[in-house]
Amino acid sequence: MTTRDPQVDTYIGNLEPWALKLVGELRRLVMDTVPEAKETFKWSAPTYEYNGLLCAISPGKGYVRLQFYHGSDLNDPQGLLEGTGKDLRHVKVSSLDETDREALKALVLEAADVNAGANSK
C-alpha cells in the first residue's frame, strides 16, 4: 500500500476547499490504482513514483491537473490527455463526477505499465 507523505498531507490541508476535495479524491484514485507507488512531494506537487516518475497532481484555476510524466507514450481512447510537450501530458479534472474515473484509472495503470516496461529493458 502507498505510504502517505506527511508533506503531501500538509500541502493538501492548505488548499482551498474545492481543490482540497478534488486533490484528495485524485490522491486516493492513484494510491488505490497503483498501491506500490511511492508518494513524494516534488516541484510543489504531490508526486507518485513507480519504477520512475509516474504522475503528479497539480491544482490550477478551477481544475486540477493529473499529470503523466510519460503521457506521450499512453493510449488515450477517451481523448482525455492534453499537452504537446515531448513526454508530459495531463488531464484537467474539474469534478470527478464529470470525469470518467475508469478512464483515469486506466491511464494510471498504463503509466505504471509503461514505467515497468521501460525499466525492464
PDB file of N, CA and C in Angstrom:
ATOM      1  N   MET A   1       0.841  -1.184   0.000  1.00  0.00           N
ATOM      2  CA  MET A   1       0.000   0.000   0.000  1.00  0.00           C
ATOM      3  C   MET A   1       0.885   1.246   0.000  1.00  0.00           C
ATOM      4  N   THR A   2       0.455   2.254  -0.753  1.00  0.00           N
ATOM      5  CA  THR A   2       1.200   3.501  -0.843  1.00  0.00           C
ATOM      6  C   THR A   2       1.295   4.166   0.523  1.00  0.00           C
ATOM      7  N   THR A   3       2.493   4.574   0.881  1.00  0.00           N
ATOM      8  CA  THR A   3       2.692   5.299   2.129  1.00  0.00           C
ATOM      9  C   THR A   3       2.457   6.777   1.879  1.00  0.00           C
ATOM     10  N   ARG A   4       1.644   7.383   2.723  1.00  0.00           N
ATOM     11  CA  ARG A   4       1.366   8.806   2.597  1.00  0.00           C
ATOM     12  C   ARG A   4       2.579   9.614   3.043  1.00  0.00           C
ATOM     13  N   ASP A   5       2.889  10.649   2.273  1.00  0.00           N
ATOM     14  CA  ASP A   5       3.982  11.554   2.613  1.00  0.00           C
ATOM     15  C   ASP A   5       3.392  12.682   3.457  1.00  0.00           C
ATOM     16  N   PRO A   6       3.922  12.932   4.659  1.00  0.00           N
ATOM     17  CA  PRO A   6       3.394  13.996   5.512  1.00  0.00           C
ATOM     18  C   PRO A   6       3.411  15.372   4.850  1.00  0.00           C
ATOM     19  N   GLN A   7       4.387  15.626   3.964  1.00  0.00           N
ATOM     20  CA  GLN A   7       4.426  16.898   3.247  1.00  0.00           C
ATOM     21  C   GLN A   7       3.191  17.055   2.355  1.00  0.00           C
ATOM     22  N   VAL A   8       2.730  15.949   1.770  1.00  0.00           N
ATOM     23  CA  VAL A   8       1.536  15.989   0.922  1.00  0.00           C
ATOM     24  C   VAL A   8       0.315  16.272   1.786  1.00  0.00           C
ATOM     25  N   ASP A   9       0.242  15.644   2.962  1.00  0.00           N
ATOM     26  CA  ASP A   9      -0.870  15.922   3.883  1.00  0.00           C
ATOM     27  C   ASP A   9      -0.937  17.408   4.211  1.00  0.00           C
ATOM     28  N   THR A  10       0.206  18.012   4.526  1.00  0.00           N
ATOM     29  CA  THR A  10       0.262  19.435   4.860  1.00  0.00           C
ATOM     30  C   THR A  10      -0.155  20.284   3.667  1.00  0.00           C
ATOM     31  N   TYR A  11       0.375  19.962   2.498  1.00  0.00           N
ATOM     32  CA  TYR A  11       0.047  20.698   1.273  1.00  0.00           C
ATOM     33  C   TYR A  11      -1.462  20.663   1.009  1.00  0.00           C
ATOM     34  N   ILE A  12      -2.042  19.470   1.053  1.00  0.00           N
ATOM     35  CA  ILE A  12      -3.474  19.328   0.773  1.00  0.00           C
ATOM     36  C   ILE A  12      -4.289  20.083   1.819  1.00  0.00           C
ATOM     37  N   GLY A  13      -3.871  20.032   3.068  1.00  0.00           N
ATOM     38  CA  GLY A  13      -4.587  20.718   4.135  1.00  0.00           C
ATOM     39  C   GLY A  13      -4.634  22.222   3.976  1.00  0.00           C
ATOM     40  N   ASN A  14      -3.725  22.785   3.198  1.00  0.00           N
ATOM     41  CA  ASN A  14      -3.680  24.232   2.980  1.00  0.00           C
ATOM     42  C   ASN A  14      -4.382  24.685   1.701  1.00  0.00           C
ATOM     43  N   LEU A  15      -4.974  23.767   0.977  1.00  0.00           N
ATOM     44  CA  LEU A  15      -5.663  24.123  -0.263  1.00  0.00           C
ATOM     45  C   LEU A  15      -7.045  24.707   0.016  1.00  0.00           C
ATOM     46  N   GLU A  16      -7.558  25.429  -0.969  1.00  0.00           N
ATOM     47  CA  GLU A  16      -8.935  25.910  -0.890  1.00  0.00           C
ATOM     48  C   GLU A  16      -9.860  24.700  -0.859  1.00  0.00           C
ATOM     49  N   PRO A  17     -11.054  24.809  -0.241  1.00  0.00           N
ATOM     50  CA  PRO A  17     -11.934  23.651  -0.082  1.00  0.00           C
ATOM     51  C   PRO A  17     -12.237  22.881  -1.367  1.00  0.00           C
ATOM     52  N   TRP A  18     -12.510  23.585  -2.482  1.00  0.00           N
ATOM     53  CA  TRP A  18     -12.831  22.868  -3.726  1.00  0.00           C
ATOM     54  C   TRP A  18     -11.637  22.039  -4.202  1.00  0.00           C
ATOM     55  N   ALA A  19     -10.428  22.616  -4.085  1.00  0.00           N
ATOM     56  CA  ALA A  19      -9.220  21.910  -4.529  1.00  0.00           C
ATOM     57  C   ALA A  19      -8.858  20.792  -3.556  1.00  0.00           C
ATOM     58  N   LEU A  20      -9.038  21.036  -2.268  1.00  0.00           N
ATOM     59  CA  LEU A  20      -8.747  20.027  -1.252  1.00  0.00           C
ATOM     60  C   LEU A  20      -9.521  18.748  -1.544  1.00  0.00           C
ATOM     61  N   LYS A  21     -10.810  18.886  -1.821  1.00  0.00           N
ATOM     62  CA  LYS A  21     -11.648  17.715  -2.097  1.00  0.00           C
ATOM     63  C   LYS A  21     -11.177  16.978  -3.348  1.00  0.00           C
ATOM     64  N   LEU A  22     -10.947  17.713  -4.425  1.00  0.00           N
ATOM     65  CA  LEU A  22     -10.584  17.090  -5.699  1.00  0.00           C
ATOM     66  C   LEU A  22      -9.186  16.479  -5.652  1.00  0.00           C
ATOM     67  N   VAL A  23      -8.220  17.181  -5.054  1.00  0.00           N
ATOM     68  CA  VAL A  23      -6.866  16.633  -4.924  1.00  0.00           C
ATOM     69  C   VAL A  23      -6.901  15.373  -4.061  1.00  0.00           C
ATOM     70  N   GLY A  24      -7.685  15.398  -2.975  1.00  0.00           N
ATOM     71  CA  GLY A  24      -7.817  14.214  -2.122  1.00  0.00           C
ATOM     72  C   GLY A  24      -8.409  13.030  -2.870  1.00  0.00           C
ATOM     73  N   GLU A  25      -9.409  13.290  -3.706  1.00  0.00           N
ATOM     74  CA  GLU A  25     -10.024  12.204  -4.492  1.00  0.00           C
ATOM     75  C   GLU A  25      -9.039  11.643  -5.511  1.00  0.00           C
ATOM     76  N   LEU A  26      -8.291  12.514  -6.179  1.00  0.00           N
ATOM     77  CA  LEU A  26      -7.303  12.039  -7.150  1.00  0.00           C
ATOM     78  C   LEU A  26      -6.167  11.290  -6.460  1.00  0.00           C
ATOM     79  N   ARG A  27      -5.784  11.752  -5.284  1.00  0.00           N
ATOM     80  CA  ARG A  27      -4.753  11.070  -4.493  1.00  0.00           C
ATOM     81  C   ARG A  27      -5.193   9.642  -4.195  1.00  0.00           C
ATOM     82  N   ARG A  28      -6.433   9.492  -3.724  1.00  0.00           N
ATOM     83  CA  ARG A  28      -6.956   8.147  -3.436  1.00  0.00           C
ATOM     84  C   ARG A  28      -7.005   7.293  -4.701  1.00  0.00           C
ATOM     85  N   LEU A  29      -7.425   7.891  -5.810  1.00  0.00           N
ATOM     86  CA  LEU A  29      -7.519   7.145  -7.062  1.00  0.00           C
ATOM     87  C   LEU A  29      -6.150   6.590  -7.452  1.00  0.00           C
ATOM     88  N   VAL A  30      -5.114   7.428  -7.401  1.00  0.00           N
ATOM     89  CA  VAL A  30      -3.764   6.984  -7.766  1.00  0.00           C
ATOM     90  C   VAL A  30      -3.275   5.914  -6.786  1.00  0.00           C
ATOM     91  N   MET A  31      -3.439   6.164  -5.495  1.00  0.00           N
ATOM     92  CA  MET A  31      -2.925   5.240  -4.482  1.00  0.00           C
ATOM     93  C   MET A  31      -3.667   3.899  -4.509  1.00  0.00           C
ATOM     94  N   ASP A  32      -4.966   3.939  -4.784  1.00  0.00           N
ATOM     95  CA  ASP A  32      -5.733   2.689  -4.875  1.00  0.00           C
ATOM     96  C   ASP A  32      -5.419   1.925  -6.155  1.00  0.00           C
ATOM     97  N   THR A  33      -5.116   2.660  -7.232  1.00  0.00           N
ATOM     98  CA  THR A  33      -4.872   2.030  -8.527  1.00  0.00           C
ATOM     99  C   THR A  33      -3.487   1.401  -8.597  1.00  0.00           C
ATOM    100  N   VAL A  34      -2.491   2.071  -8.027  1.00  0.00           N
ATOM    101  CA  VAL A  34      -1.115   1.548  -8.012  1.00  0.00           C
ATOM    102  C   VAL A  34      -0.624   1.608  -6.564  1.00  0.00           C
ATOM    103  N   PRO A  35      -1.061   0.632  -5.742  1.00  0.00           N
ATOM    104  CA  PRO A  35      -0.714   0.673  -4.321  1.00  0.00           C
ATOM    105  C   PRO A  35       0.787   0.593  -4.042  1.00  0.00           C
ATOM    106  N   GLU A  36       1.568   0.129  -5.019  1.00  0.00           N
ATOM    107  CA  GLU A  36       3.018   0.030  -4.831  1.00  0.00           C
ATOM    108  C   GLU A  36       3.727   1.358  -5.079  1.00  0.00           C
ATOM    109  N   ALA A  37       2.995   2.352  -5.563  1.00  0.00           N
ATOM    110  CA  ALA A  37       3.603   3.652  -5.874  1.00  0.00           C
ATOM    111  C   ALA A  37       4.094   4.330  -4.599  1.00  0.00           C
ATOM    112  N   LYS A  38       5.136   5.133  -4.763  1.00  0.00           N
ATOM    113  CA  LYS A  38       5.688   5.901  -3.649  1.00  0.00           C
ATOM    114  C   LYS A  38       5.202   7.336  -3.790  1.00  0.00           C
ATOM    115  N   GLU A  39       4.579   7.860  -2.729  1.00  0.00           N
ATOM    116  CA  GLU A  39       4.118   9.240  -2.736  1.00  0.00           C
ATOM    117  C   GLU A  39       5.239  10.135  -2.223  1.00  0.00           C
ATOM    118  N   THR A  40       5.505  11.208  -2.960  1.00  0.00           N
ATOM    119  CA  THR A  40       6.506  12.190  -2.560  1.00  0.00           C
ATOM    120  C   THR A  40       5.945  13.589  -2.826  1.00  0.00           C
ATOM    121  N   PHE A  41       6.683  14.591  -2.436  1.00  0.00           N
ATOM    122  CA  PHE A  41       6.298  15.978  -2.722  1.00  0.00           C
ATOM    123  C   PHE A  41       7.451  16.607  -3.479  1.00  0.00           C
ATOM    124  N   LYS A  42       7.269  16.799  -4.794  1.00  0.00           N
ATOM    125  CA  LYS A  42       8.310  17.367  -5.654  1.00  0.00           C
ATOM    126  C   LYS A  42       7.696  18.446  -6.516  1.00  0.00           C
ATOM    127  N   TRP A  43       8.484  19.446  -6.822  1.00  0.00           N
ATOM    128  CA  TRP A  43       8.049  20.503  -7.729  1.00  0.00           C
ATOM    129  C   TRP A  43       6.718  21.111  -7.277  1.00  0.00           C
ATOM    130  N   SER A  44       6.567  21.260  -5.975  1.00  0.00           N
ATOM    131  CA  SER A  44       5.375  21.869  -5.359  1.00  0.00           C
ATOM    132  C   SER A  44       4.091  21.099  -5.648  1.00  0.00           C
ATOM    133  N   ALA A  45       4.198  19.780  -5.785  1.00  0.00           N
ATOM    134  CA  ALA A  45       3.009  18.979  -6.086  1.00  0.00           C
ATOM    135  C   ALA A  45       3.146  17.564  -5.524  1.00  0.00           C
ATOM    136  N   PRO A  46       2.028  16.962  -5.123  1.00  0.00           N
ATOM    137  CA  PRO A  46       2.049  15.538  -4.782  1.00  0.00           C
ATOM    138  C   PRO A  46       2.487  14.758  -6.022  1.00  0.00           C
ATOM    139  N   THR A  47       3.510  13.958  -5.868  1.00  0.00           N
ATOM    140  CA  THR A  47       4.099  13.228  -6.994  1.00  0.00           C
ATOM    141  C   THR A  47       4.169  11.753  -6.632  1.00  0.00           C
ATOM    142  N   TYR A  48       3.958  10.905  -7.634  1.00  0.00           N
ATOM    143  CA  TYR A  48       3.936   9.464  -7.416  1.00  0.00           C
ATOM    144  C   TYR A  48       4.982   8.817  -8.310  1.00  0.00           C
ATOM    145  N   GLU A  49       5.717   7.887  -7.704  1.00  0.00           N
ATOM    146  CA  GLU A  49       6.775   7.186  -8.413  1.00  0.00           C
ATOM    147  C   GLU A  49       6.497   5.692  -8.379  1.00  0.00           C
ATOM    148  N   TYR A  50       6.714   5.083  -9.511  1.00  0.00           N
ATOM    149  CA  TYR A  50       6.622   3.624  -9.629  1.00  0.00           C
ATOM    150  C   TYR A  50       7.542   3.255 -10.779  1.00  0.00           C
ATOM    151  N   ASN A  51       8.689   2.680 -10.471  1.00  0.00           N
ATOM    152  CA  ASN A  51       9.709   2.422 -11.485  1.00  0.00           C
ATOM    153  C   ASN A  51      10.050   3.709 -12.234  1.00  0.00           C
ATOM    154  N   GLY A  52      10.156   4.788 -11.496  1.00  0.00           N
ATOM    155  CA  GLY A  52      10.411   6.101 -12.070  1.00  0.00           C
ATOM    156  C   GLY A  52       9.219   7.008 -11.834  1.00  0.00           C
ATOM    157  N   LEU A  53       9.278   8.210 -12.392  1.00  0.00           N
ATOM    158  CA  LEU A  53       8.190   9.169 -12.218  1.00  0.00           C
ATOM    159  C   LEU A  53       6.928   8.657 -12.904  1.00  0.00           C
ATOM    160  N   LEU A  54       5.838   8.651 -12.164  1.00  0.00           N
ATOM    161  CA  LEU A  54       4.563   8.134 -12.676  1.00  0.00           C
ATOM    162  C   LEU A  54       3.620   9.288 -13.013  1.00  0.00           C
ATOM    163  N   CYS A  55       3.204  10.030 -11.991  1.00  0.00           N
ATOM    164  CA  CYS A  55       2.247  11.114 -12.198  1.00  0.00           C
ATOM    165  C   CYS A  55       2.331  12.106 -11.047  1.00  0.00           C
ATOM    166  N   ALA A  56       1.661  13.240 -11.231  1.00  0.00           N
ATOM    167  CA  ALA A  56       1.598  14.275 -10.200  1.00  0.00           C
ATOM    168  C   ALA A  56       0.216  14.899 -10.242  1.00  0.00           C
ATOM    169  N   ILE A  57      -0.146  15.529  -9.143  1.00  0.00           N
ATOM    170  CA  ILE A  57      -1.447  16.191  -9.022  1.00  0.00           C
ATOM    171  C   ILE A  57      -1.185  17.663  -8.769  1.00  0.00           C
ATOM    172  N   SER A  58      -1.683  18.515  -9.663  1.00  0.00           N
ATOM    173  CA  SER A  58      -1.364  19.931  -9.586  1.00  0.00           C
ATOM    174  C   SER A  58      -2.603  20.793  -9.811  1.00  0.00           C
ATOM    175  N   PRO A  59      -3.060  21.518  -8.774  1.00  0.00           N
ATOM    176  CA  PRO A  59      -4.222  22.393  -8.939  1.00  0.00           C
ATOM    177  C   PRO A  59      -3.939  23.566  -9.868  1.00  0.00           C
ATOM    178  N   GLY A  60      -4.959  23.924 -10.634  1.00  0.00           N
ATOM    179  CA  GLY A  60      -4.916  25.117 -11.472  1.00  0.00           C
ATOM    180  C   GLY A  60      -6.054  26.028 -11.023  1.00  0.00           C
ATOM    181  N   LYS A  61      -6.528  26.866 -11.896  1.00  0.00           N
ATOM    182  CA  LYS A  61      -7.649  27.764 -11.569  1.00  0.00           C
ATOM    183  C   LYS A  61      -8.961  27.081 -11.950  1.00  0.00           C
ATOM    184  N   GLY A  62      -9.634  26.514 -10.960  1.00  0.00           N
ATOM    185  CA  GLY A  62     -10.919  25.868 -11.195  1.00  0.00           C
ATOM    186  C   GLY A  62     -10.834  24.423 -11.635  1.00  0.00           C
ATOM    187  N   TYR A  63      -9.648  23.877 -11.705  1.00  0.00           N
ATOM    188  CA  TYR A  63      -9.461  22.477 -12.080  1.00  0.00           C
ATOM    189  C   TYR A  63      -8.175  21.972 -11.442  1.00  0.00           C
ATOM    190  N   VAL A  64      -7.992  20.647 -11.509  1.00  0.00           N
ATOM    191  CA  VAL A  64      -6.759  20.024 -11.033  1.00  0.00           C
ATOM    192  C   VAL A  64      -6.208  19.196 -12.182  1.00  0.00           C
ATOM    193  N   ARG A  65      -4.913  19.317 -12.420  1.00  0.00           N
ATOM    194  CA  ARG A  65      -4.274  18.512 -13.468  1.00  0.00           C
ATOM    195  C   ARG A  65      -3.731  17.218 -12.871  1.00  0.00           C
ATOM    196  N   LEU A  66      -4.054  16.116 -13.514  1.00  0.00           N
ATOM    197  CA  LEU A  66      -3.406  14.838 -13.227  1.00  0.00           C
ATOM    198  C   LEU A  66      -2.379  14.683 -14.338  1.00  0.00           C
ATOM    199  N   GLN A  67      -1.109  14.876 -13.985  1.00  0.00           N
ATOM    200  CA  GLN A  67      -0.034  14.914 -14.969  1.00  0.00           C
ATOM    201  C   GLN A  67       0.662  13.562 -15.064  1.00  0.00           C
ATOM    202  N   PHE A  68       0.936  13.151 -16.279  1.00  0.00           N
ATOM    203  CA  PHE A  68       1.638  11.896 -16.536  1.00  0.00           C
ATOM    204  C   PHE A  68       2.986  12.218 -17.164  1.00  0.00           C
ATOM    205  N   TYR A  69       4.062  11.781 -16.495  1.00  0.00           N
ATOM    206  CA  TYR A  69       5.398  12.121 -16.942  1.00  0.00           C
ATOM    207  C   TYR A  69       5.759  11.489 -18.280  1.00  0.00           C
ATOM    208  N   HIS A  70       5.173  10.334 -18.589  1.00  0.00           N
ATOM    209  CA  HIS A  70       5.406   9.687 -19.882  1.00  0.00           C
ATOM    210  C   HIS A  70       4.083   9.597 -20.639  1.00  0.00           C
ATOM    211  N   GLY A  71       3.306  10.666 -20.541  1.00  0.00           N
ATOM    212  CA  GLY A  71       1.970  10.696 -21.121  1.00  0.00           C
ATOM    213  C   GLY A  71       1.940  10.528 -22.624  1.00  0.00           C
ATOM    214  N   SER A  72       3.002  10.940 -23.313  1.00  0.00           N
ATOM    215  CA  SER A  72       3.022  10.794 -24.771  1.00  0.00           C
ATOM    216  C   SER A  72       3.086   9.322 -25.182  1.00  0.00           C
ATOM    217  N   ASP A  73       3.428   8.433 -24.251  1.00  0.00           N
ATOM    218  CA  ASP A  73       3.502   7.001 -24.534  1.00  0.00           C
ATOM    219  C   ASP A  73       2.194   6.271 -24.229  1.00  0.00           C
ATOM    220  N   LEU A  74       1.199   6.991 -23.720  1.00  0.00           N
ATOM    221  CA  LEU A  74      -0.039   6.347 -23.290  1.00  0.00           C
ATOM    222  C   LEU A  74      -1.091   6.322 -24.394  1.00  0.00           C
ATOM    223  N   ASN A  75      -1.847   5.230 -24.437  1.00  0.00           N
ATOM    224  CA  ASN A  75      -3.037   5.177 -25.285  1.00  0.00           C
ATOM    225  C   ASN A  75      -4.094   6.008 -24.575  1.00  0.00           C
ATOM    226  N   ASP A  76      -4.903   6.689 -25.326  1.00  0.00           N
ATOM    227  CA  ASP A  76      -5.911   7.564 -24.728  1.00  0.00           C
ATOM    228  C   ASP A  76      -7.211   7.476 -25.524  1.00  0.00           C
ATOM    229  N   PRO A  77      -7.887   6.327 -25.460  1.00  0.00           N
ATOM    230  CA  PRO A  77      -9.105   6.155 -26.273  1.00  0.00           C
ATOM    231  C   PRO A  77     -10.214   7.142 -25.930  1.00  0.00           C
ATOM    232  N   GLN A  78     -10.230   7.665 -24.716  1.00  0.00           N
ATOM    233  CA  GLN A  78     -11.259   8.625 -24.313  1.00  0.00           C
ATOM    234  C   GLN A  78     -10.900  10.062 -24.705  1.00  0.00           C
ATOM    235  N   GLY A  79      -9.666  10.280 -25.153  1.00  0.00           N
ATOM    236  CA  GLY A  79      -9.235  11.616 -25.548  1.00  0.00           C
ATOM    237  C   GLY A  79      -9.124  12.586 -24.382  1.00  0.00           C
ATOM    238  N   LEU A  80      -8.704  12.089 -23.219  1.00  0.00           N
ATOM    239  CA  LEU A  80      -8.602  12.922 -22.022  1.00  0.00           C
ATOM    240  C   LEU A  80      -7.300  13.711 -21.927  1.00  0.00           C
ATOM    241  N   LEU A  81      -6.234  13.169 -22.499  1.00  0.00           N
ATOM    242  CA  LEU A  81      -4.910  13.778 -22.328  1.00  0.00           C
ATOM    243  C   LEU A  81      -4.754  15.050 -23.152  1.00  0.00           C
ATOM    244  N   GLU A  82      -4.123  16.040 -22.521  1.00  0.00           N
ATOM    245  CA  GLU A  82      -3.815  17.303 -23.178  1.00  0.00           C
ATOM    246  C   GLU A  82      -2.328  17.557 -23.058  1.00  0.00           C
ATOM    247  N   GLY A  83      -1.822  18.428 -23.907  1.00  0.00           N
ATOM    248  CA  GLY A  83      -0.422  18.814 -23.845  1.00  0.00           C
ATOM    249  C   GLY A  83       0.311  18.453 -25.115  1.00  0.00           C
ATOM    250  N   THR A  84       1.388  19.188 -25.370  1.00  0.00           N
ATOM    251  CA  THR A  84       2.149  18.974 -26.594  1.00  0.00           C
ATOM    252  C   THR A  84       3.644  18.813 -26.329  1.00  0.00           C
ATOM    253  N   GLY A  85       4.019  18.679 -25.061  1.00  0.00           N
ATOM    254  CA  GLY A  85       5.429  18.513 -24.718  1.00  0.00           C
ATOM    255  C   GLY A  85       5.966  17.188 -25.235  1.00  0.00           C
ATOM    256  N   LYS A  86       7.266  17.020 -25.125  1.00  0.00           N
ATOM    257  CA  LYS A  86       7.892  15.793 -25.607  1.00  0.00           C
ATOM    258  C   LYS A  86       7.327  14.559 -24.895  1.00  0.00           C
ATOM    259  N   ASP A  87       7.145  14.633 -23.581  1.00  0.00           N
ATOM    260  CA  ASP A  87       6.682  13.484 -22.806  1.00  0.00           C
ATOM    261  C   ASP A  87       5.434  13.772 -21.979  1.00  0.00           C
ATOM    262  N   LEU A  88       5.419  14.902 -21.295  1.00  0.00           N
ATOM    263  CA  LEU A  88       4.377  15.208 -20.314  1.00  0.00           C
ATOM    264  C   LEU A  88       3.015  15.441 -20.969  1.00  0.00           C
ATOM    265  N   ARG A  89       1.995  14.816 -20.394  1.00  0.00           N
ATOM    266  CA  ARG A  89       0.604  15.044 -20.769  1.00  0.00           C
ATOM    267  C   ARG A  89      -0.195  15.154 -19.481  1.00  0.00           C
ATOM    268  N   HIS A  90      -1.372  15.780 -19.553  1.00  0.00           N
ATOM    269  CA  HIS A  90      -2.190  15.924 -18.355  1.00  0.00           C
ATOM    270  C   HIS A  90      -3.667  15.815 -18.704  1.00  0.00           C
ATOM    271  N   VAL A  91      -4.442  15.525 -17.667  1.00  0.00           N
ATOM    272  CA  VAL A  91      -5.900  15.532 -17.757  1.00  0.00           C
ATOM    273  C   VAL A  91      -6.373  16.628 -16.817  1.00  0.00           C
ATOM    274  N   LYS A  92      -7.188  17.543 -17.322  1.00  0.00           N
ATOM    275  CA  LYS A  92      -7.776  18.582 -16.473  1.00  0.00           C
ATOM    276  C   LYS A  92      -9.065  18.025 -15.888  1.00  0.00           C
ATOM    277  N   VAL A  93      -9.136  18.023 -14.563  1.00  0.00           N
ATOM    278  CA  VAL A  93     -10.291  17.476 -13.863  1.00  0.00           C
ATOM    279  C   VAL A  93     -10.945  18.598 -13.062  1.00  0.00           C
ATOM    280  N   SER A  94     -12.199  18.902 -13.391  1.00  0.00           N
ATOM    281  CA  SER A  94     -12.970  19.908 -12.649  1.00  0.00           C
ATOM    282  C   SER A  94     -13.826  19.245 -11.588  1.00  0.00           C
ATOM    283  N   SER A  95     -14.206  18.012 -11.878  1.00  0.00           N
ATOM    284  CA  SER A  95     -15.048  17.244 -10.967  1.00  0.00           C
ATOM    285  C   SER A  95     -14.923  15.777 -11.341  1.00  0.00           C
ATOM    286  N   LEU A  96     -14.773  14.929 -10.345  1.00  0.00           N
ATOM    287  CA  LEU A  96     -14.718  13.505 -10.669  1.00  0.00           C
ATOM    288  C   LEU A  96     -16.097  12.969 -11.042  1.00  0.00           C
ATOM    289  N   ASP A  97     -17.144  13.733 -10.740  1.00  0.00           N
ATOM    290  CA  ASP A  97     -18.481  13.341 -11.179  1.00  0.00           C
ATOM    291  C   ASP A  97     -18.617  13.505 -12.685  1.00  0.00           C
ATOM    292  N   GLU A  98     -17.861  14.455 -13.254  1.00  0.00           N
ATOM    293  CA  GLU A  98     -17.935  14.733 -14.684  1.00  0.00           C
ATOM    294  C   GLU A  98     -16.831  14.032 -15.467  1.00  0.00           C
ATOM    295  N   THR A  99     -15.903  13.414 -14.784  1.00  0.00           N
ATOM    296  CA  THR A  99     -14.775  12.747 -15.436  1.00  0.00           C
ATOM    297  C   THR A  99     -14.912  11.244 -15.246  1.00  0.00           C
ATOM    298  N   ASP A 100     -14.591  10.509 -16.276  1.00  0.00           N
ATOM    299  CA  ASP A 100     -14.687   9.054 -16.246  1.00  0.00           C
ATOM    300  C   ASP A 100     -13.576   8.481 -15.357  1.00  0.00           C
ATOM    301  N   ARG A 101     -13.946   8.071 -14.138  1.00  0.00           N
ATOM    302  CA  ARG A 101     -12.967   7.518 -13.188  1.00  0.00           C
ATOM    303  C   ARG A 101     -12.242   6.305 -13.762  1.00  0.00           C
ATOM    304  N   GLU A 102     -13.001   5.456 -14.451  1.00  0.00           N
ATOM    305  CA  GLU A 102     -12.390   4.246 -15.008  1.00  0.00           C
ATOM    306  C   GLU A 102     -11.348   4.602 -16.066  1.00  0.00           C
ATOM    307  N   ALA A 103     -11.620   5.642 -16.851  1.00  0.00           N
ATOM    308  CA  ALA A 103     -10.646   6.083 -17.855  1.00  0.00           C
ATOM    309  C   ALA A 103      -9.393   6.639 -17.168  1.00  0.00           C
ATOM    310  N   LEU A 104      -9.574   7.376 -16.071  1.00  0.00           N
ATOM    311  CA  LEU A 104      -8.413   7.875 -15.318  1.00  0.00           C
ATOM    312  C   LEU A 104      -7.613   6.719 -14.729  1.00  0.00           C
ATOM    313  N   LYS A 105      -8.314   5.751 -14.142  1.00  0.00           N
ATOM    314  CA  LYS A 105      -7.621   4.576 -13.586  1.00  0.00           C
ATOM    315  C   LYS A 105      -6.838   3.850 -14.672  1.00  0.00           C
ATOM    316  N   ALA A 106      -7.448   3.715 -15.850  1.00  0.00           N
ATOM    317  CA  ALA A 106      -6.779   3.030 -16.960  1.00  0.00           C
ATOM    318  C   ALA A 106      -5.497   3.765 -17.351  1.00  0.00           C
ATOM    319  N   LEU A 107      -5.534   5.097 -17.368  1.00  0.00           N
ATOM    320  CA  LEU A 107      -4.333   5.872 -17.682  1.00  0.00           C
ATOM    321  C   LEU A 107      -3.254   5.675 -16.619  1.00  0.00           C
ATOM    322  N   VAL A 108      -3.659   5.677 -15.348  1.00  0.00           N
ATOM    323  CA  VAL A 108      -2.690   5.474 -14.259  1.00  0.00           C
ATOM    324  C   VAL A 108      -2.065   4.080 -14.358  1.00  0.00           C
ATOM    325  N   LEU A 109      -2.889   3.073 -14.599  1.00  0.00           N
ATOM    326  CA  LEU A 109      -2.369   1.705 -14.743  1.00  0.00           C
ATOM    327  C   LEU A 109      -1.431   1.583 -15.933  1.00  0.00           C
ATOM    328  N   GLU A 110      -1.823   2.175 -17.051  1.00  0.00           N
ATOM    329  CA  GLU A 110      -0.966   2.098 -18.232  1.00  0.00           C
ATOM    330  C   GLU A 110       0.342   2.827 -17.988  1.00  0.00           C
ATOM    331  N   ALA A 111       0.293   3.974 -17.299  1.00  0.00           N
ATOM    332  CA  ALA A 111       1.525   4.701 -16.975  1.00  0.00           C
ATOM    333  C   ALA A 111       2.461   3.823 -16.134  1.00  0.00           C
ATOM    334  N   ALA A 112       1.890   3.080 -15.187  1.00  0.00           N
ATOM    335  CA  ALA A 112       2.694   2.161 -14.359  1.00  0.00           C
ATOM    336  C   ALA A 112       3.284   1.058 -15.232  1.00  0.00           C
ATOM    337  N   ASP A 113       2.502   0.537 -16.171  1.00  0.00           N
ATOM    338  CA  ASP A 113       2.991  -0.498 -17.083  1.00  0.00           C
ATOM    339  C   ASP A 113       4.105   0.034 -17.979  1.00  0.00           C
ATOM    340  N   VAL A 114       3.927   1.257 -18.477  1.00  0.00           N
ATOM    341  CA  VAL A 114       4.967   1.869 -19.329  1.00  0.00           C
ATOM    342  C   VAL A 114       6.257   1.990 -18.527  1.00  0.00           C
ATOM    343  N   ASN A 115       6.172   2.468 -17.286  1.00  0.00           N
ATOM    344  CA  ASN A 115       7.376   2.603 -16.451  1.00  0.00           C
ATOM    345  C   ASN A 115       8.011   1.248 -16.188  1.00  0.00           C
ATOM    346  N   ALA A 116       7.195   0.254 -15.865  1.00  0.00           N
ATOM    347  CA  ALA A 116       7.743  -1.082 -15.583  1.00  0.00           C
ATOM    348  C   ALA A 116       8.426  -1.645 -16.820  1.00  0.00           C
ATOM    349  N   GLY A 117       7.824  -1.452 -17.991  1.00  0.00           N
ATOM    350  CA  GLY A 117       8.410  -1.939 -19.238  1.00  0.00           C
ATOM    351  C   GLY A 117       9.695  -1.227 -19.590  1.00  0.00           C
ATOM    352  N   ALA A 118       9.736   0.064 -19.355  1.00  0.00           N
ATOM    353  CA  ALA A 118      10.933   0.860 -19.656  1.00  0.00           C
ATOM    354  C   ALA A 118      12.091   0.447 -18.784  1.00  0.00           C
ATOM    355  N   ASN A 119      11.806   0.022 -17.564  1.00  0.00           N
ATOM    356  CA  ASN A 119      12.872  -0.353 -16.641  1.00  0.00           C
ATOM    357  C   ASN A 119      13.258  -1.816 -16.730  1.00  0.00           C
ATOM    358  N   SER A 120      12.524  -2.586 -17.560  1.00  0.00           N
ATOM    359  CA  SER A 120      12.884  -3.997 -17.695  1.00  0.00           C
ATOM    360  C   SER A 120      13.736  -4.238 -18.941  1.00  0.00           C
ATOM    361  N   LYS A 121      13.958  -3.161 -19.723  1.00  0.00           N
ATOM    362  CA  LYS A 121      14.748  -3.291 -20.970  1.00  0.00           C
ATOM    363  C   LYS A 121      16.219  -3.196 -20.675  1.00  0.00           C
TER     364      LYS A 121
END
